[in-house]
Amino acid sequence: MATHRLKFSYVGNSLDLSEEISDTQTGVAIIDNEQITTATTDGEVLFALEFANCTMFYLVSDQDVTFETNDGAAADDTIALLADIPYVWHTNSYDTFLITADIITNVFITNVSGETASIYCVALFDATT
């Protein structure tokens, strides 16, 4: 079992607000500091996830990159990540999950930022179903 926490905060205009969302599940899928050099098109990274079982998803890069699932040429899902701005989703999010199909074995990352990108992704999911 793994427990993950997402923390959200706002500081400004004499306000200091914070909230935390946590969930415990049986499965975790991770991309841990994957280095994607600049001028890489569809760099293949091992990662698998049954999207319907996912309860929390956190994806971030320190450079602008494109994150594609299952096939770089005809991706099931594409996320254009801006440097240091994470894509965060959980089951109680106001928005729908940008991953709409199972990720079978790979994601593909394109980096034309001019610098090597460090990619992190953590997905919490129910592995019992």
N, C-alpha and C. Protein backbone atom coordinates (compact mmCIF):
# COMPACT_ATOMS: atom_id res chain seq x y z
N MET A 1 0.84 -1.18 0.00
CA MET A 1 0.00 0.00 0.00
C MET A 1 0.89 1.24 0.00
N ALA A 2 0.45 2.23 -0.73
CA ALA A 2 1.18 3.50 -0.81
C ALA A 2 0.21 4.64 -0.56
N THR A 3 0.63 5.60 0.25
CA THR A 3 -0.15 6.79 0.48
C THR A 3 0.55 7.97 -0.17
N HIS A 4 -0.17 8.70 -1.00
CA HIS A 4 0.37 9.89 -1.66
C HIS A 4 -0.43 11.09 -1.23
N ARG A 5 0.27 12.23 -1.13
CA ARG A 5 -0.37 13.48 -0.74
C ARG A 5 -0.07 14.53 -1.79
N LEU A 6 -1.09 15.27 -2.15
CA LEU A 6 -0.94 16.46 -2.99
C LEU A 6 -1.21 17.67 -2.12
N LYS A 7 -0.31 18.65 -2.18
CA LYS A 7 -0.47 19.86 -1.37
C LYS A 7 -0.68 21.04 -2.31
N PHE A 8 -1.69 21.84 -1.99
CA PHE A 8 -2.00 23.03 -2.75
C PHE A 8 -1.94 24.21 -1.81
N SER A 9 -1.34 25.32 -2.25
CA SER A 9 -1.27 26.48 -1.38
C SER A 9 -1.36 27.76 -2.17
N TYR A 10 -1.73 28.81 -1.45
CA TYR A 10 -1.78 30.16 -2.00
C TYR A 10 -1.28 31.12 -0.93
N VAL A 11 -0.34 31.99 -1.31
CA VAL A 11 0.15 33.01 -0.39
C VAL A 11 0.13 34.33 -1.14
N GLY A 12 -0.55 35.31 -0.60
CA GLY A 12 -0.63 36.64 -1.22
C GLY A 12 -1.85 37.39 -0.74
N ASN A 13 -1.84 38.71 -0.91
CA ASN A 13 -2.98 39.53 -0.49
C ASN A 13 -3.38 39.27 0.95
N SER A 14 -2.38 39.14 1.83
CA SER A 14 -2.53 38.84 3.25
C SER A 14 -3.24 37.52 3.53
N LEU A 15 -3.22 36.62 2.57
CA LEU A 15 -3.79 35.28 2.77
C LEU A 15 -2.67 34.24 2.73
N ASP A 16 -2.84 33.21 3.51
CA ASP A 16 -1.93 32.06 3.50
C ASP A 16 -2.82 30.83 3.62
N LEU A 17 -3.19 30.26 2.49
CA LEU A 17 -4.14 29.15 2.45
C LEU A 17 -3.44 27.88 1.99
N SER A 18 -3.83 26.74 2.53
CA SER A 18 -3.28 25.48 2.05
C SER A 18 -4.29 24.35 2.27
N GLU A 19 -4.24 23.44 1.35
CA GLU A 19 -5.09 22.24 1.41
C GLU A 19 -4.24 21.04 1.04
N GLU A 20 -4.65 19.88 1.52
CA GLU A 20 -3.94 18.65 1.21
C GLU A 20 -4.94 17.57 0.85
N ILE A 21 -4.64 16.84 -0.20
CA ILE A 21 -5.47 15.72 -0.63
C ILE A 21 -4.59 14.48 -0.55
N SER A 22 -5.10 13.43 0.07
CA SER A 22 -4.31 12.20 0.16
C SER A 22 -5.15 11.01 -0.26
N ASP A 23 -4.45 9.98 -0.68
CA ASP A 23 -5.12 8.74 -1.08
C ASP A 23 -4.14 7.59 -0.85
N THR A 24 -4.68 6.43 -0.52
CA THR A 24 -3.89 5.22 -0.33
C THR A 24 -4.37 4.18 -1.32
N GLN A 25 -3.45 3.61 -2.07
CA GLN A 25 -3.77 2.59 -3.06
C GLN A 25 -2.69 1.52 -3.07
N THR A 26 -2.89 0.51 -3.88
CA THR A 26 -1.97 -0.63 -3.92
C THR A 26 -0.92 -0.55 -5.00
N GLY A 27 -1.06 0.38 -5.95
CA GLY A 27 -0.10 0.43 -7.05
C GLY A 27 0.47 1.81 -7.28
N VAL A 28 1.74 1.83 -7.71
CA VAL A 28 2.41 3.08 -8.04
C VAL A 28 3.22 2.86 -9.33
N ALA A 29 3.09 3.79 -10.26
CA ALA A 29 3.92 3.80 -11.47
C ALA A 29 4.74 5.07 -11.44
N ILE A 30 6.04 4.96 -11.72
CA ILE A 30 6.94 6.09 -11.55
C ILE A 30 7.88 6.26 -12.74
N ILE A 31 8.06 7.50 -13.15
CA ILE A 31 9.20 7.90 -13.98
C ILE A 31 10.03 8.79 -13.06
N ASP A 32 11.26 8.37 -12.77
CA ASP A 32 12.08 9.04 -11.76
C ASP A 32 13.31 9.69 -12.39
N ASN A 33 13.21 10.99 -12.63
CA ASN A 33 14.33 11.78 -13.15
C ASN A 33 14.86 11.23 -14.48
N GLU A 34 13.94 10.93 -15.38
CA GLU A 34 14.33 10.49 -16.72
C GLU A 34 14.93 11.68 -17.47
N GLN A 35 16.12 11.51 -17.99
CA GLN A 35 16.82 12.58 -18.70
C GLN A 35 16.55 12.46 -20.20
N ILE A 36 15.94 13.48 -20.76
CA ILE A 36 15.65 13.52 -22.20
C ILE A 36 16.47 14.67 -22.79
N THR A 37 17.45 14.33 -23.59
CA THR A 37 18.33 15.35 -24.14
C THR A 37 17.58 16.23 -25.14
N THR A 38 18.10 17.44 -25.32
CA THR A 38 17.48 18.34 -26.29
C THR A 38 17.60 17.74 -27.69
N ALA A 39 16.72 18.14 -28.56
CA ALA A 39 16.64 17.64 -29.95
C ALA A 39 16.20 16.18 -30.00
N THR A 40 15.54 15.70 -28.94
CA THR A 40 14.99 14.34 -28.93
C THR A 40 13.54 14.40 -29.39
N THR A 41 13.22 13.58 -30.38
CA THR A 41 11.84 13.44 -30.83
C THR A 41 11.38 12.03 -30.47
N ASP A 42 10.29 11.95 -29.73
CA ASP A 42 9.69 10.68 -29.33
C ASP A 42 10.67 9.77 -28.60
N GLY A 43 11.36 10.33 -27.61
CA GLY A 43 12.21 9.50 -26.76
C GLY A 43 11.36 8.55 -25.95
N GLU A 44 11.63 7.27 -26.06
CA GLU A 44 10.79 6.23 -25.46
C GLU A 44 11.18 5.99 -24.00
N VAL A 45 10.17 6.00 -23.13
CA VAL A 45 10.37 5.78 -21.70
C VAL A 45 9.37 4.71 -21.24
N LEU A 46 9.87 3.70 -20.53
CA LEU A 46 8.98 2.65 -20.03
C LEU A 46 8.06 3.21 -18.95
N PHE A 47 6.77 2.99 -19.14
CA PHE A 47 5.76 3.45 -18.18
C PHE A 47 4.45 2.82 -18.58
N ALA A 48 3.76 2.19 -17.64
CA ALA A 48 2.47 1.56 -17.92
C ALA A 48 1.46 1.97 -16.86
N LEU A 49 0.20 2.15 -17.30
CA LEU A 49 -0.84 2.58 -16.38
C LEU A 49 -2.21 2.27 -16.96
N GLU A 50 -3.06 1.59 -16.18
CA GLU A 50 -4.46 1.45 -16.55
C GLU A 50 -5.17 2.70 -16.07
N PHE A 51 -5.54 3.55 -17.02
CA PHE A 51 -6.03 4.88 -16.66
C PHE A 51 -7.29 4.84 -15.80
N ALA A 52 -8.16 3.86 -15.98
CA ALA A 52 -9.41 3.80 -15.22
C ALA A 52 -9.17 3.51 -13.74
N ASN A 53 -8.02 2.93 -13.39
CA ASN A 53 -7.70 2.60 -12.01
C ASN A 53 -6.87 3.68 -11.31
N CYS A 54 -6.48 4.72 -12.06
CA CYS A 54 -5.64 5.77 -11.52
C CYS A 54 -6.45 6.68 -10.60
N THR A 55 -5.87 7.03 -9.44
CA THR A 55 -6.54 7.93 -8.50
C THR A 55 -5.78 9.24 -8.29
N MET A 56 -4.47 9.24 -8.58
CA MET A 56 -3.66 10.47 -8.51
C MET A 56 -2.58 10.39 -9.58
N PHE A 57 -2.30 11.55 -10.19
CA PHE A 57 -1.30 11.60 -11.27
C PHE A 57 -0.57 12.93 -11.17
N TYR A 58 0.76 12.86 -11.17
CA TYR A 58 1.61 14.04 -11.07
C TYR A 58 2.70 13.92 -12.12
N LEU A 59 2.80 14.91 -13.01
CA LEU A 59 3.77 14.88 -14.10
C LEU A 59 4.43 16.25 -14.18
N VAL A 60 5.77 16.28 -14.20
CA VAL A 60 6.48 17.55 -14.27
C VAL A 60 7.79 17.38 -15.04
N SER A 61 8.20 18.45 -15.67
CA SER A 61 9.48 18.52 -16.38
C SER A 61 10.11 19.87 -16.07
N ASP A 62 11.43 19.91 -16.06
CA ASP A 62 12.09 21.20 -15.85
C ASP A 62 12.34 21.96 -17.16
N GLN A 63 11.87 21.39 -18.28
CA GLN A 63 11.93 22.04 -19.59
C GLN A 63 10.58 21.84 -20.29
N ASP A 64 10.26 22.69 -21.25
CA ASP A 64 9.07 22.48 -22.06
C ASP A 64 9.24 21.18 -22.85
N VAL A 65 8.30 20.25 -22.73
CA VAL A 65 8.35 18.98 -23.47
C VAL A 65 6.94 18.58 -23.87
N THR A 66 6.87 17.63 -24.78
CA THR A 66 5.60 17.01 -25.16
C THR A 66 5.63 15.56 -24.70
N PHE A 67 4.59 15.17 -23.97
CA PHE A 67 4.45 13.84 -23.38
C PHE A 67 3.34 13.12 -24.13
N GLU A 68 3.66 12.00 -24.79
CA GLU A 68 2.67 11.26 -25.59
C GLU A 68 2.60 9.82 -25.11
N THR A 69 1.40 9.25 -25.15
CA THR A 69 1.22 7.88 -24.67
C THR A 69 1.11 6.89 -25.82
N ASN A 70 1.76 5.74 -25.62
CA ASN A 70 1.68 4.54 -26.46
C ASN A 70 2.34 4.61 -27.82
N ASP A 71 2.34 5.75 -28.49
CA ASP A 71 2.91 5.85 -29.82
C ASP A 71 3.27 7.30 -30.08
N GLY A 72 4.51 7.55 -30.44
CA GLY A 72 4.93 8.92 -30.68
C GLY A 72 4.31 9.53 -31.92
N ALA A 73 4.05 8.70 -32.94
CA ALA A 73 3.51 9.21 -34.20
C ALA A 73 1.99 9.36 -34.15
N ALA A 74 1.32 8.48 -33.44
CA ALA A 74 -0.15 8.51 -33.34
C ALA A 74 -0.54 8.27 -31.89
N ALA A 75 -0.22 9.22 -31.04
CA ALA A 75 -0.43 9.06 -29.60
C ALA A 75 -1.91 8.95 -29.25
N ASP A 76 -2.18 8.17 -28.20
CA ASP A 76 -3.54 8.14 -27.66
C ASP A 76 -3.84 9.44 -26.93
N ASP A 77 -2.84 9.94 -26.19
CA ASP A 77 -3.00 11.18 -25.43
C ASP A 77 -1.71 11.99 -25.52
N THR A 78 -1.86 13.31 -25.56
CA THR A 78 -0.72 14.21 -25.64
C THR A 78 -0.87 15.31 -24.59
N ILE A 79 0.20 15.52 -23.83
CA ILE A 79 0.23 16.61 -22.85
C ILE A 79 1.43 17.49 -23.17
N ALA A 80 1.18 18.76 -23.45
CA ALA A 80 2.26 19.72 -23.67
C ALA A 80 2.60 20.33 -22.32
N LEU A 81 3.75 19.93 -21.77
CA LEU A 81 4.17 20.40 -20.45
C LEU A 81 5.03 21.64 -20.58
N LEU A 82 4.73 22.63 -19.79
CA LEU A 82 5.58 23.80 -19.68
C LEU A 82 6.57 23.57 -18.54
N ALA A 83 7.76 24.11 -18.67
CA ALA A 83 8.81 23.90 -17.68
C ALA A 83 8.34 24.29 -16.28
N ASP A 84 8.55 23.38 -15.35
CA ASP A 84 8.30 23.60 -13.92
C ASP A 84 6.84 23.89 -13.57
N ILE A 85 5.92 23.57 -14.46
CA ILE A 85 4.49 23.70 -14.17
C ILE A 85 3.89 22.29 -14.25
N PRO A 86 3.67 21.65 -13.12
CA PRO A 86 3.22 20.26 -13.16
C PRO A 86 1.78 20.11 -13.65
N TYR A 87 1.52 18.97 -14.27
CA TYR A 87 0.15 18.56 -14.54
C TYR A 87 -0.24 17.67 -13.37
N VAL A 88 -1.30 18.05 -12.66
CA VAL A 88 -1.73 17.33 -11.46
C VAL A 88 -3.20 16.98 -11.62
N TRP A 89 -3.52 15.71 -11.36
CA TRP A 89 -4.91 15.26 -11.43
C TRP A 89 -5.15 14.28 -10.28
N HIS A 90 -6.37 14.29 -9.74
CA HIS A 90 -6.81 13.31 -8.75
C HIS A 90 -8.29 13.06 -8.98
N THR A 91 -8.81 12.02 -8.38
CA THR A 91 -10.19 11.60 -8.65
C THR A 91 -11.23 12.66 -8.32
N ASN A 92 -10.90 13.62 -7.46
CA ASN A 92 -11.83 14.68 -7.14
C ASN A 92 -11.52 15.99 -7.86
N SER A 93 -10.70 15.92 -8.89
CA SER A 93 -10.36 17.12 -9.66
C SER A 93 -11.61 17.68 -10.35
N TYR A 94 -11.59 18.96 -10.57
CA TYR A 94 -12.68 19.60 -11.28
C TYR A 94 -12.62 19.29 -12.78
N ASP A 95 -11.43 18.98 -13.27
CA ASP A 95 -11.24 18.70 -14.69
C ASP A 95 -11.13 17.20 -14.91
N THR A 96 -11.40 16.77 -16.12
CA THR A 96 -11.26 15.35 -16.46
C THR A 96 -9.79 15.01 -16.64
N PHE A 97 -9.47 13.76 -16.46
CA PHE A 97 -8.11 13.25 -16.58
C PHE A 97 -7.68 13.33 -18.04
N LEU A 98 -6.50 13.89 -18.30
CA LEU A 98 -6.00 14.02 -19.67
C LEU A 98 -5.52 12.70 -20.25
N ILE A 99 -5.33 11.70 -19.41
CA ILE A 99 -5.01 10.36 -19.90
C ILE A 99 -6.33 9.62 -20.08
N THR A 100 -6.64 9.26 -21.31
CA THR A 100 -7.95 8.68 -21.62
C THR A 100 -7.90 7.25 -22.13
N ALA A 101 -6.69 6.69 -22.20
CA ALA A 101 -6.51 5.31 -22.66
C ALA A 101 -5.39 4.68 -21.84
N ASP A 102 -5.47 3.36 -21.67
CA ASP A 102 -4.41 2.67 -20.95
C ASP A 102 -3.06 2.94 -21.62
N ILE A 103 -2.05 3.17 -20.80
CA ILE A 103 -0.68 3.27 -21.30
C ILE A 103 -0.12 1.86 -21.21
N ILE A 104 0.09 1.24 -22.36
CA ILE A 104 0.44 -0.18 -22.39
C ILE A 104 1.85 -0.43 -21.85
N THR A 105 2.86 0.18 -22.43
CA THR A 105 4.23 -0.03 -21.94
C THR A 105 5.11 1.21 -22.01
N ASN A 106 4.73 2.21 -22.82
CA ASN A 106 5.65 3.31 -23.05
C ASN A 106 4.96 4.65 -23.18
N VAL A 107 5.73 5.69 -22.84
CA VAL A 107 5.38 7.05 -23.21
C VAL A 107 6.52 7.56 -24.08
N PHE A 108 6.24 8.61 -24.84
CA PHE A 108 7.22 9.17 -25.76
C PHE A 108 7.33 10.66 -25.47
N ILE A 109 8.56 11.11 -25.30
CA ILE A 109 8.79 12.50 -24.90
C ILE A 109 9.63 13.20 -25.96
N THR A 110 9.12 14.35 -26.39
CA THR A 110 9.84 15.19 -27.35
C THR A 110 10.34 16.42 -26.61
N ASN A 111 11.63 16.70 -26.80
CA ASN A 111 12.27 17.84 -26.13
C ASN A 111 13.04 18.65 -27.16
N VAL A 112 12.54 19.84 -27.45
CA VAL A 112 13.25 20.75 -28.36
C VAL A 112 13.56 22.07 -27.64
N SER A 113 13.70 21.98 -26.32
CA SER A 113 13.85 23.18 -25.49
C SER A 113 15.23 23.82 -25.57
N GLY A 114 16.23 23.06 -25.99
CA GLY A 114 17.60 23.56 -25.99
C GLY A 114 18.40 23.09 -24.79
N GLU A 115 17.76 22.45 -23.82
CA GLU A 115 18.42 21.91 -22.63
C GLU A 115 17.91 20.50 -22.36
N THR A 116 18.71 19.70 -21.68
CA THR A 116 18.25 18.38 -21.26
C THR A 116 17.11 18.54 -20.25
N ALA A 117 16.07 17.74 -20.42
CA ALA A 117 14.90 17.81 -19.55
C ALA A 117 14.94 16.66 -18.54
N SER A 118 14.57 16.98 -17.30
CA SER A 118 14.39 15.97 -16.25
C SER A 118 12.90 15.75 -16.07
N ILE A 119 12.45 14.53 -16.27
CA ILE A 119 11.03 14.21 -16.24
C ILE A 119 10.73 13.36 -15.00
N TYR A 120 9.65 13.74 -14.30
CA TYR A 120 9.14 12.96 -13.18
C TYR A 120 7.65 12.72 -13.41
N CYS A 121 7.21 11.51 -13.15
CA CYS A 121 5.79 11.20 -13.19
C CYS A 121 5.52 10.18 -12.09
N VAL A 122 4.46 10.42 -11.32
CA VAL A 122 4.05 9.49 -10.28
C VAL A 122 2.54 9.30 -10.43
N ALA A 123 2.15 8.05 -10.60
CA ALA A 123 0.73 7.71 -10.71
C ALA A 123 0.38 6.71 -9.61
N LEU A 124 -0.65 7.02 -8.85
CA LEU A 124 -1.16 6.13 -7.82
C LEU A 124 -2.40 5.45 -8.38
N PHE A 125 -2.50 4.13 -8.21
CA PHE A 125 -3.64 3.43 -8.79
C PHE A 125 -4.02 2.20 -7.97
N ASP A 126 -5.23 1.75 -8.20
CA ASP A 126 -5.74 0.53 -7.57
C ASP A 126 -5.27 -0.66 -8.40
N ALA A 127 -4.36 -1.43 -7.85
CA ALA A 127 -3.80 -2.58 -8.58
C ALA A 127 -4.58 -3.86 -8.33
N THR A 128 -5.65 -3.80 -7.56
CA THR A 128 -6.41 -4.99 -7.22
C THR A 128 -7.51 -5.32 -8.22
N THR A 129 -7.79 -4.38 -9.14
CA THR A 129 -8.86 -4.63 -10.11
C THR A 129 -8.32 -5.05 -11.44
